[in-house]
Amino acid sequence: VWVGTDAETWDRYDRRLFYLWSEDGRFVNLELIRAGAADTLRIRPNVAHADLFAGVRDAADEDGRGMWGACG
């Protein structure tokens, strides 16, 4: 995988904050959201991909993918 960062690389709980890309170029964070396997969280100043993530999350919800379809 390839790793990228945003404005901050650690959160207040001492967790590392990364964006991940697979060897074949897929944006792992985005793919998880698209599949309904992850939700989004916008916390400034780490918002480089927030708008992209929000649109994909809304589409996953509307389509009932992953967790968005689990509860009917």
N, C-alpha and C. Protein backbone atom coordinates (compact mmCIF):
# COMPACT_ATOMS: atom_id res chain seq x y z
N VAL A 1 0.84 -1.20 0.00
CA VAL A 1 0.00 0.00 0.00
C VAL A 1 0.88 1.24 0.00
N TRP A 2 0.29 2.33 -0.47
CA TRP A 2 0.90 3.65 -0.35
C TRP A 2 0.14 4.41 0.71
N VAL A 3 0.85 5.21 1.46
CA VAL A 3 0.26 5.97 2.57
C VAL A 3 0.40 7.45 2.30
N GLY A 4 -0.67 8.19 2.59
CA GLY A 4 -0.64 9.65 2.50
C GLY A 4 -1.24 10.24 3.76
N THR A 5 -0.91 11.48 4.01
CA THR A 5 -1.43 12.15 5.21
C THR A 5 -2.17 13.41 4.83
N ASP A 6 -2.85 13.97 5.80
CA ASP A 6 -3.55 15.23 5.63
C ASP A 6 -2.79 16.27 6.46
N ALA A 7 -3.47 17.27 6.98
CA ALA A 7 -2.82 18.34 7.73
C ALA A 7 -2.18 17.83 9.02
N GLU A 8 -2.82 16.90 9.68
CA GLU A 8 -2.31 16.33 10.93
C GLU A 8 -2.11 14.83 10.74
N THR A 9 -1.11 14.28 11.39
CA THR A 9 -0.83 12.86 11.24
C THR A 9 -1.21 12.05 12.48
N TRP A 10 -1.61 12.71 13.55
CA TRP A 10 -2.05 12.04 14.79
C TRP A 10 -3.35 12.69 15.24
N ASP A 11 -4.24 11.90 15.88
CA ASP A 11 -5.43 12.49 16.47
C ASP A 11 -5.22 12.66 17.98
N ARG A 12 -6.24 13.18 18.65
CA ARG A 12 -6.09 13.46 20.09
C ARG A 12 -6.02 12.20 20.95
N TYR A 13 -6.28 11.04 20.35
CA TYR A 13 -6.19 9.77 21.06
C TYR A 13 -4.89 9.03 20.72
N ASP A 14 -3.94 9.74 20.13
CA ASP A 14 -2.64 9.18 19.71
C ASP A 14 -2.76 8.07 18.68
N ARG A 15 -3.75 8.18 17.80
CA ARG A 15 -3.89 7.26 16.67
C ARG A 15 -3.31 7.93 15.44
N ARG A 16 -2.66 7.13 14.58
CA ARG A 16 -2.14 7.65 13.32
C ARG A 16 -3.28 7.86 12.35
N LEU A 17 -3.22 8.91 11.58
CA LEU A 17 -4.22 9.25 10.58
C LEU A 17 -3.60 9.13 9.19
N PHE A 18 -4.12 8.20 8.39
CA PHE A 18 -3.56 7.96 7.07
C PHE A 18 -4.65 7.83 6.02
N TYR A 19 -4.28 8.13 4.80
CA TYR A 19 -5.04 7.75 3.62
C TYR A 19 -4.23 6.62 2.99
N LEU A 20 -4.91 5.61 2.47
CA LEU A 20 -4.23 4.44 1.91
C LEU A 20 -4.63 4.21 0.45
N TRP A 21 -3.65 3.84 -0.37
CA TRP A 21 -3.87 3.43 -1.75
C TRP A 21 -3.29 2.04 -1.94
N SER A 22 -3.99 1.19 -2.66
CA SER A 22 -3.52 -0.17 -2.92
C SER A 22 -2.45 -0.14 -4.01
N GLU A 23 -1.79 -1.26 -4.17
CA GLU A 23 -0.73 -1.38 -5.17
C GLU A 23 -1.24 -1.06 -6.58
N ASP A 24 -2.52 -1.39 -6.83
CA ASP A 24 -3.08 -1.13 -8.17
C ASP A 24 -3.72 0.27 -8.28
N GLY A 25 -3.48 1.12 -7.28
CA GLY A 25 -3.92 2.51 -7.36
C GLY A 25 -5.29 2.82 -6.79
N ARG A 26 -5.97 1.84 -6.21
CA ARG A 26 -7.29 2.12 -5.63
C ARG A 26 -7.13 2.87 -4.30
N PHE A 27 -8.00 3.84 -4.06
CA PHE A 27 -8.01 4.64 -2.84
C PHE A 27 -8.80 3.83 -1.81
N VAL A 28 -8.11 3.17 -0.90
CA VAL A 28 -8.71 2.22 0.03
C VAL A 28 -9.78 2.89 0.89
N ASN A 29 -9.50 4.08 1.43
CA ASN A 29 -10.47 4.78 2.25
C ASN A 29 -11.78 4.98 1.47
N LEU A 30 -11.66 5.41 0.24
CA LEU A 30 -12.82 5.65 -0.60
C LEU A 30 -13.58 4.36 -0.90
N GLU A 31 -12.86 3.30 -1.20
CA GLU A 31 -13.49 2.02 -1.52
C GLU A 31 -14.27 1.47 -0.32
N LEU A 32 -13.76 1.65 0.88
CA LEU A 32 -14.49 1.20 2.08
C LEU A 32 -15.79 1.97 2.24
N ILE A 33 -15.75 3.28 2.01
CA ILE A 33 -16.96 4.10 2.10
C ILE A 33 -17.94 3.70 1.01
N ARG A 34 -17.45 3.53 -0.21
CA ARG A 34 -18.30 3.16 -1.36
C ARG A 34 -19.03 1.84 -1.11
N ALA A 35 -18.38 0.90 -0.44
CA ALA A 35 -18.97 -0.41 -0.16
C ALA A 35 -19.93 -0.39 1.03
N GLY A 36 -20.02 0.73 1.72
CA GLY A 36 -20.86 0.80 2.91
C GLY A 36 -20.21 0.13 4.11
N ALA A 37 -18.89 0.00 4.07
CA ALA A 37 -18.15 -0.64 5.15
C ALA A 37 -17.49 0.38 6.07
N ALA A 38 -17.66 1.68 5.77
CA ALA A 38 -17.09 2.74 6.60
C ALA A 38 -17.96 3.98 6.46
N ASP A 39 -17.96 4.78 7.49
CA ASP A 39 -18.68 6.06 7.47
C ASP A 39 -17.64 7.18 7.40
N THR A 40 -18.10 8.39 7.24
CA THR A 40 -17.19 9.53 7.15
C THR A 40 -17.25 10.35 8.44
N LEU A 41 -16.17 11.07 8.67
CA LEU A 41 -16.09 11.96 9.81
C LEU A 41 -15.23 13.14 9.38
N ARG A 42 -15.79 14.34 9.44
CA ARG A 42 -15.08 15.54 9.00
C ARG A 42 -14.60 16.28 10.24
N ILE A 43 -13.28 16.26 10.45
CA ILE A 43 -12.69 16.97 11.58
C ILE A 43 -11.56 17.84 11.04
N ARG A 44 -11.78 19.14 11.06
CA ARG A 44 -10.76 20.08 10.59
C ARG A 44 -9.53 19.98 11.47
N PRO A 45 -8.37 20.12 10.90
CA PRO A 45 -8.06 20.57 9.55
C PRO A 45 -7.89 19.42 8.55
N ASN A 46 -8.24 18.21 8.92
CA ASN A 46 -8.03 17.04 8.06
C ASN A 46 -9.23 16.80 7.14
N VAL A 47 -9.37 17.65 6.14
CA VAL A 47 -10.54 17.58 5.27
C VAL A 47 -10.19 17.53 3.78
N ALA A 48 -9.00 17.08 3.46
CA ALA A 48 -8.55 17.08 2.06
C ALA A 48 -9.51 16.32 1.14
N HIS A 49 -10.10 15.24 1.61
CA HIS A 49 -10.98 14.42 0.77
C HIS A 49 -12.42 14.39 1.30
N ALA A 50 -12.75 15.29 2.20
CA ALA A 50 -14.05 15.26 2.87
C ALA A 50 -15.23 15.36 1.91
N ASP A 51 -15.17 16.25 0.94
CA ASP A 51 -16.28 16.39 0.00
C ASP A 51 -16.45 15.15 -0.86
N LEU A 52 -15.35 14.59 -1.34
CA LEU A 52 -15.39 13.36 -2.12
C LEU A 52 -16.00 12.24 -1.28
N PHE A 53 -15.52 12.07 -0.06
CA PHE A 53 -16.03 11.02 0.82
C PHE A 53 -17.53 11.20 1.09
N ALA A 54 -17.97 12.44 1.32
CA ALA A 54 -19.38 12.69 1.64
C ALA A 54 -20.28 12.28 0.48
N GLY A 55 -19.90 12.61 -0.74
CA GLY A 55 -20.72 12.23 -1.89
C GLY A 55 -20.81 10.73 -2.07
N VAL A 56 -19.71 10.03 -1.89
CA VAL A 56 -19.69 8.58 -2.02
C VAL A 56 -20.47 7.92 -0.89
N ARG A 57 -20.37 8.47 0.30
CA ARG A 57 -21.12 7.94 1.45
C ARG A 57 -22.62 8.09 1.21
N ASP A 58 -23.04 9.25 0.72
CA ASP A 58 -24.46 9.46 0.44
C ASP A 58 -24.97 8.49 -0.61
N ALA A 59 -24.18 8.23 -1.64
CA ALA A 59 -24.58 7.27 -2.68
C ALA A 59 -24.69 5.87 -2.10
N ALA A 60 -23.76 5.48 -1.24
CA ALA A 60 -23.81 4.15 -0.61
C ALA A 60 -25.06 4.02 0.24
N ASP A 61 -25.39 5.07 0.97
CA ASP A 61 -26.59 5.08 1.81
C ASP A 61 -27.84 4.95 0.94
N GLU A 62 -27.93 5.76 -0.10
CA GLU A 62 -29.09 5.73 -1.00
C GLU A 62 -29.26 4.37 -1.66
N ASP A 63 -28.16 3.71 -1.99
CA ASP A 63 -28.20 2.40 -2.64
C ASP A 63 -28.34 1.25 -1.66
N GLY A 64 -28.27 1.54 -0.35
CA GLY A 64 -28.39 0.49 0.66
C GLY A 64 -27.21 -0.46 0.70
N ARG A 65 -26.02 0.05 0.35
CA ARG A 65 -24.84 -0.81 0.36
C ARG A 65 -24.29 -1.01 1.77
N GLY A 66 -23.78 -2.21 2.02
CA GLY A 66 -23.12 -2.50 3.29
C GLY A 66 -23.99 -2.22 4.48
N MET A 67 -23.44 -1.50 5.45
CA MET A 67 -24.18 -1.23 6.69
C MET A 67 -25.44 -0.41 6.45
N TRP A 68 -25.50 0.35 5.36
CA TRP A 68 -26.67 1.19 5.10
C TRP A 68 -27.88 0.36 4.70
N GLY A 69 -27.68 -0.86 4.28
CA GLY A 69 -28.80 -1.73 3.94
C GLY A 69 -29.08 -2.80 5.00
N ALA A 70 -28.25 -2.86 6.01
CA ALA A 70 -28.34 -3.93 7.00
C ALA A 70 -29.61 -3.85 7.84
N CYS A 71 -30.11 -2.65 8.08
CA CYS A 71 -31.26 -2.52 8.98
C CYS A 71 -32.55 -2.15 8.27
N GLY A 72 -32.54 -2.27 6.95
CA GLY A 72 -33.76 -2.00 6.20
C GLY A 72 -34.08 -0.56 6.18
